Amino acid sequence: MKHTQGEWEIHYNKSRMLWEVWPVERGLGRICGITGRNQEEEQANAKLIAAAPKLLLACKVSETCFRKLARLEILKSSKHVLLDNASLIKAAIAAATE
């Protein structure tokens, strides 16, 4: 499964009275509209969703870093913690992409 590539941003749609998430690159279509209990919650949820591509990238980089750190002899005593964190991040990536 692939998500809409590139950065995402939020806009308030006055006619529909809701926050929407759109790709920064025009012509790709709206990603989603956000409804909630109030406008403040809707905006917060829209910001979180719009950050998803950057968060996914950060998770992928972090997983790689944890696995590389776990191979360093100097961090041998922390290897299990590093690998546990890498596994946790891998699971989050899988939840977002599978």
N, C-alpha and C. Protein backbone atom coordinates (compact mmCIF):
# COMPACT_ATOMS: atom_id res chain seq x y z
N MET A 1 0.85 -1.16 0.00
CA MET A 1 0.00 0.00 0.00
C MET A 1 0.90 1.24 0.00
N LYS A 2 0.54 2.23 -0.80
CA LYS A 2 1.32 3.47 -0.86
C LYS A 2 0.42 4.65 -0.52
N HIS A 3 0.99 5.59 0.20
CA HIS A 3 0.25 6.81 0.51
C HIS A 3 0.56 7.88 -0.55
N THR A 4 -0.20 8.96 -0.52
CA THR A 4 0.07 10.09 -1.41
C THR A 4 1.43 10.65 -1.06
N GLN A 5 2.32 10.67 -2.03
CA GLN A 5 3.70 11.09 -1.81
C GLN A 5 3.80 12.61 -1.59
N GLY A 6 4.90 13.02 -0.99
CA GLY A 6 5.18 14.43 -0.78
C GLY A 6 4.65 14.95 0.53
N GLU A 7 4.83 16.25 0.72
CA GLU A 7 4.34 16.88 1.96
C GLU A 7 2.85 17.15 1.87
N TRP A 8 2.22 17.18 3.04
CA TRP A 8 0.79 17.47 3.14
C TRP A 8 0.60 18.73 3.96
N GLU A 9 -0.51 19.41 3.72
CA GLU A 9 -0.83 20.63 4.47
C GLU A 9 -2.32 20.67 4.76
N ILE A 10 -2.70 21.53 5.68
CA ILE A 10 -4.12 21.64 6.04
C ILE A 10 -4.69 22.96 5.54
N HIS A 11 -6.00 22.91 5.26
CA HIS A 11 -6.75 24.10 4.85
C HIS A 11 -8.13 24.00 5.50
N TYR A 12 -8.68 25.16 5.83
CA TYR A 12 -10.05 25.17 6.35
C TYR A 12 -10.99 25.44 5.19
N ASN A 13 -11.94 24.54 4.98
CA ASN A 13 -12.95 24.68 3.93
C ASN A 13 -14.16 25.36 4.54
N LYS A 14 -14.31 26.65 4.26
CA LYS A 14 -15.41 27.43 4.87
C LYS A 14 -16.77 26.94 4.42
N SER A 15 -16.91 26.55 3.16
CA SER A 15 -18.23 26.12 2.67
C SER A 15 -18.66 24.80 3.29
N ARG A 16 -17.71 23.92 3.57
CA ARG A 16 -18.04 22.64 4.20
C ARG A 16 -17.88 22.68 5.71
N MET A 17 -17.28 23.77 6.20
CA MET A 17 -17.04 24.00 7.63
C MET A 17 -16.26 22.85 8.26
N LEU A 18 -15.13 22.49 7.61
CA LEU A 18 -14.26 21.48 8.18
C LEU A 18 -12.84 21.66 7.69
N TRP A 19 -11.90 21.09 8.45
CA TRP A 19 -10.49 21.11 8.07
C TRP A 19 -10.24 19.98 7.09
N GLU A 20 -9.40 20.25 6.10
CA GLU A 20 -9.05 19.24 5.10
C GLU A 20 -7.53 19.11 5.02
N VAL A 21 -7.08 17.94 4.63
CA VAL A 21 -5.66 17.68 4.42
C VAL A 21 -5.47 17.49 2.91
N TRP A 22 -4.52 18.26 2.37
CA TRP A 22 -4.22 18.24 0.94
C TRP A 22 -2.73 18.04 0.73
N PRO A 23 -2.34 17.39 -0.37
CA PRO A 23 -0.91 17.35 -0.70
C PRO A 23 -0.45 18.75 -1.10
N VAL A 24 0.79 19.10 -0.76
CA VAL A 24 1.34 20.39 -1.15
C VAL A 24 1.38 20.49 -2.67
N GLU A 25 1.74 19.37 -3.32
CA GLU A 25 1.77 19.34 -4.79
C GLU A 25 0.34 19.35 -5.30
N ARG A 26 0.01 20.35 -6.07
CA ARG A 26 -1.36 20.50 -6.57
C ARG A 26 -1.69 19.44 -7.62
N GLY A 27 -2.99 19.18 -7.76
CA GLY A 27 -3.45 18.26 -8.78
C GLY A 27 -3.58 16.82 -8.30
N LEU A 28 -3.25 16.54 -7.05
CA LEU A 28 -3.31 15.18 -6.55
C LEU A 28 -4.62 14.86 -5.83
N GLY A 29 -5.42 15.86 -5.54
CA GLY A 29 -6.69 15.62 -4.87
C GLY A 29 -6.58 15.63 -3.36
N ARG A 30 -7.69 15.93 -2.72
CA ARG A 30 -7.76 15.99 -1.26
C ARG A 30 -7.48 14.63 -0.65
N ILE A 31 -6.75 14.63 0.44
CA ILE A 31 -6.47 13.39 1.17
C ILE A 31 -7.64 13.03 2.07
N CYS A 32 -8.11 14.01 2.85
CA CYS A 32 -9.26 13.73 3.72
C CYS A 32 -9.84 15.02 4.28
N GLY A 33 -11.06 14.91 4.75
CA GLY A 33 -11.71 15.96 5.51
C GLY A 33 -11.84 15.49 6.94
N ILE A 34 -11.72 16.39 7.88
CA ILE A 34 -11.68 16.03 9.30
C ILE A 34 -12.92 16.57 10.01
N THR A 35 -13.61 15.71 10.71
CA THR A 35 -14.71 16.14 11.57
C THR A 35 -14.35 15.80 13.00
N GLY A 36 -14.94 16.52 13.94
CA GLY A 36 -14.65 16.30 15.35
C GLY A 36 -15.69 16.98 16.21
N ARG A 37 -15.39 17.04 17.49
CA ARG A 37 -16.34 17.66 18.43
C ARG A 37 -16.37 19.16 18.31
N ASN A 38 -15.24 19.75 17.90
CA ASN A 38 -15.18 21.19 17.75
C ASN A 38 -14.05 21.53 16.77
N GLN A 39 -14.00 22.79 16.36
CA GLN A 39 -13.03 23.20 15.36
C GLN A 39 -11.58 23.06 15.84
N GLU A 40 -11.34 23.28 17.12
CA GLU A 40 -9.99 23.15 17.68
C GLU A 40 -9.50 21.70 17.57
N GLU A 41 -10.38 20.76 17.92
CA GLU A 41 -10.02 19.34 17.82
C GLU A 41 -9.83 18.94 16.36
N GLU A 42 -10.70 19.42 15.48
CA GLU A 42 -10.58 19.11 14.06
C GLU A 42 -9.24 19.60 13.51
N GLN A 43 -8.85 20.82 13.88
CA GLN A 43 -7.58 21.37 13.40
C GLN A 43 -6.40 20.56 13.95
N ALA A 44 -6.46 20.19 15.22
CA ALA A 44 -5.37 19.39 15.80
C ALA A 44 -5.25 18.04 15.10
N ASN A 45 -6.39 17.39 14.82
CA ASN A 45 -6.36 16.11 14.11
C ASN A 45 -5.84 16.28 12.69
N ALA A 46 -6.24 17.36 12.03
CA ALA A 46 -5.76 17.62 10.67
C ALA A 46 -4.25 17.82 10.66
N LYS A 47 -3.72 18.54 11.65
CA LYS A 47 -2.27 18.75 11.73
C LYS A 47 -1.54 17.43 11.93
N LEU A 48 -2.09 16.57 12.78
CA LEU A 48 -1.47 15.27 13.02
C LEU A 48 -1.45 14.43 11.74
N ILE A 49 -2.56 14.40 11.04
CA ILE A 49 -2.64 13.64 9.79
C ILE A 49 -1.70 14.23 8.74
N ALA A 50 -1.65 15.55 8.65
CA ALA A 50 -0.78 16.20 7.67
C ALA A 50 0.70 15.92 7.95
N ALA A 51 1.03 15.67 9.20
CA ALA A 51 2.42 15.37 9.57
C ALA A 51 2.80 13.92 9.28
N ALA A 52 1.84 13.09 8.90
CA ALA A 52 2.08 11.66 8.72
C ALA A 52 3.25 11.32 7.81
N PRO A 53 3.40 11.93 6.64
CA PRO A 53 4.55 11.56 5.80
C PRO A 53 5.90 11.84 6.48
N LYS A 54 6.00 12.95 7.20
CA LYS A 54 7.25 13.26 7.91
C LYS A 54 7.45 12.31 9.08
N LEU A 55 6.39 11.97 9.78
CA LEU A 55 6.49 11.03 10.90
C LEU A 55 6.90 9.64 10.41
N LEU A 56 6.36 9.22 9.27
CA LEU A 56 6.73 7.92 8.71
C LEU A 56 8.21 7.90 8.34
N LEU A 57 8.68 8.97 7.71
CA LEU A 57 10.10 9.05 7.36
C LEU A 57 10.97 9.02 8.63
N ALA A 58 10.56 9.77 9.66
CA ALA A 58 11.32 9.78 10.91
C ALA A 58 11.37 8.39 11.53
N CYS A 59 10.28 7.65 11.46
CA CYS A 59 10.27 6.28 11.99
C CYS A 59 11.22 5.39 11.21
N LYS A 60 11.21 5.50 9.90
CA LYS A 60 12.10 4.66 9.09
C LYS A 60 13.57 4.95 9.39
N VAL A 61 13.91 6.23 9.51
CA VAL A 61 15.29 6.61 9.83
C VAL A 61 15.66 6.13 11.23
N SER A 62 14.75 6.30 12.17
CA SER A 62 15.02 5.89 13.56
C SER A 62 15.21 4.38 13.67
N GLU A 63 14.39 3.61 12.98
CA GLU A 63 14.54 2.15 13.03
C GLU A 63 15.93 1.75 12.53
N THR A 64 16.33 2.33 11.41
CA THR A 64 17.66 2.03 10.86
C THR A 64 18.75 2.40 11.85
N CYS A 65 18.64 3.57 12.47
CA CYS A 65 19.65 4.01 13.45
C CYS A 65 19.72 3.08 14.65
N PHE A 66 18.58 2.68 15.19
CA PHE A 66 18.57 1.77 16.34
C PHE A 66 19.24 0.45 15.99
N ARG A 67 18.95 -0.08 14.81
CA ARG A 67 19.56 -1.36 14.41
C ARG A 67 21.07 -1.22 14.22
N LYS A 68 21.52 -0.10 13.65
CA LYS A 68 22.96 0.11 13.48
C LYS A 68 23.65 0.30 14.83
N LEU A 69 23.02 1.03 15.73
CA LEU A 69 23.59 1.21 17.06
C LEU A 69 23.70 -0.11 17.80
N ALA A 70 22.71 -0.98 17.61
CA ALA A 70 22.71 -2.27 18.31
C ALA A 70 23.88 -3.15 17.88
N ARG A 71 24.45 -2.88 16.71
CA ARG A 71 25.59 -3.67 16.23
C ARG A 71 26.94 -3.17 16.77
N LEU A 72 26.95 -2.01 17.41
CA LEU A 72 28.20 -1.45 17.92
C LEU A 72 28.61 -2.17 19.22
N GLU A 73 29.84 -2.57 19.27
CA GLU A 73 30.36 -3.30 20.44
C GLU A 73 30.26 -2.45 21.71
N ILE A 74 30.50 -1.16 21.59
CA ILE A 74 30.49 -0.27 22.76
C ILE A 74 29.09 -0.20 23.40
N LEU A 75 28.06 -0.49 22.62
CA LEU A 75 26.69 -0.44 23.14
C LEU A 75 26.11 -1.85 23.37
N LYS A 76 27.00 -2.82 23.48
CA LYS A 76 26.58 -4.22 23.62
C LYS A 76 25.59 -4.42 24.77
N SER A 77 25.83 -3.75 25.88
CA SER A 77 24.94 -3.92 27.04
C SER A 77 23.54 -3.34 26.80
N SER A 78 23.42 -2.48 25.83
CA SER A 78 22.11 -1.87 25.52
C SER A 78 21.46 -2.47 24.28
N LYS A 79 22.08 -3.51 23.74
CA LYS A 79 21.61 -4.08 22.48
C LYS A 79 20.13 -4.45 22.52
N HIS A 80 19.69 -5.13 23.58
CA HIS A 80 18.29 -5.57 23.64
C HIS A 80 17.33 -4.38 23.67
N VAL A 81 17.70 -3.31 24.35
CA VAL A 81 16.84 -2.12 24.41
C VAL A 81 16.75 -1.48 23.03
N LEU A 82 17.90 -1.37 22.37
CA LEU A 82 17.92 -0.78 21.03
C LEU A 82 17.09 -1.61 20.05
N LEU A 83 17.23 -2.91 20.11
CA LEU A 83 16.46 -3.77 19.20
C LEU A 83 14.98 -3.78 19.54
N ASP A 84 14.65 -3.67 20.83
CA ASP A 84 13.24 -3.55 21.22
C ASP A 84 12.62 -2.28 20.64
N ASN A 85 13.38 -1.19 20.73
CA ASN A 85 12.89 0.07 20.17
C ASN A 85 12.75 -0.02 18.65
N ALA A 86 13.71 -0.64 18.00
CA ALA A 86 13.64 -0.82 16.55
C ALA A 86 12.40 -1.64 16.17
N SER A 87 12.11 -2.67 16.95
CA SER A 87 10.93 -3.50 16.68
C SER A 87 9.64 -2.72 16.88
N LEU A 88 9.60 -1.90 17.91
CA LEU A 88 8.43 -1.06 18.16
C LEU A 88 8.19 -0.10 16.99
N ILE A 89 9.24 0.52 16.52
CA ILE A 89 9.14 1.44 15.40
C ILE A 89 8.74 0.70 14.13
N LYS A 90 9.32 -0.49 13.93
CA LYS A 90 8.96 -1.29 12.76
C LYS A 90 7.48 -1.64 12.77
N ALA A 91 6.94 -1.95 13.92
CA ALA A 91 5.52 -2.26 14.04
C ALA A 91 4.66 -1.05 13.71
N ALA A 92 5.11 0.14 14.13
CA ALA A 92 4.37 1.37 13.80
C ALA A 92 4.40 1.62 12.31
N ILE A 93 5.53 1.39 11.68
CA ILE A 93 5.64 1.56 10.23
C ILE A 93 4.71 0.58 9.52
N ALA A 94 4.71 -0.66 9.97
CA ALA A 94 3.83 -1.67 9.37
C ALA A 94 2.36 -1.28 9.52
N ALA A 95 1.98 -0.78 10.67
CA ALA A 95 0.60 -0.36 10.89
C ALA A 95 0.18 0.75 9.93
N ALA A 96 1.14 1.59 9.57
CA ALA A 96 0.83 2.71 8.68
C ALA A 96 0.93 2.36 7.20
N THR A 97 1.59 1.26 6.87
CA THR A 97 1.86 1.00 5.46
C THR A 97 1.33 -0.32 4.92
N GLU A 98 0.88 -1.21 5.78
CA GLU A 98 0.41 -2.52 5.29
C GLU A 98 -1.09 -2.59 5.29
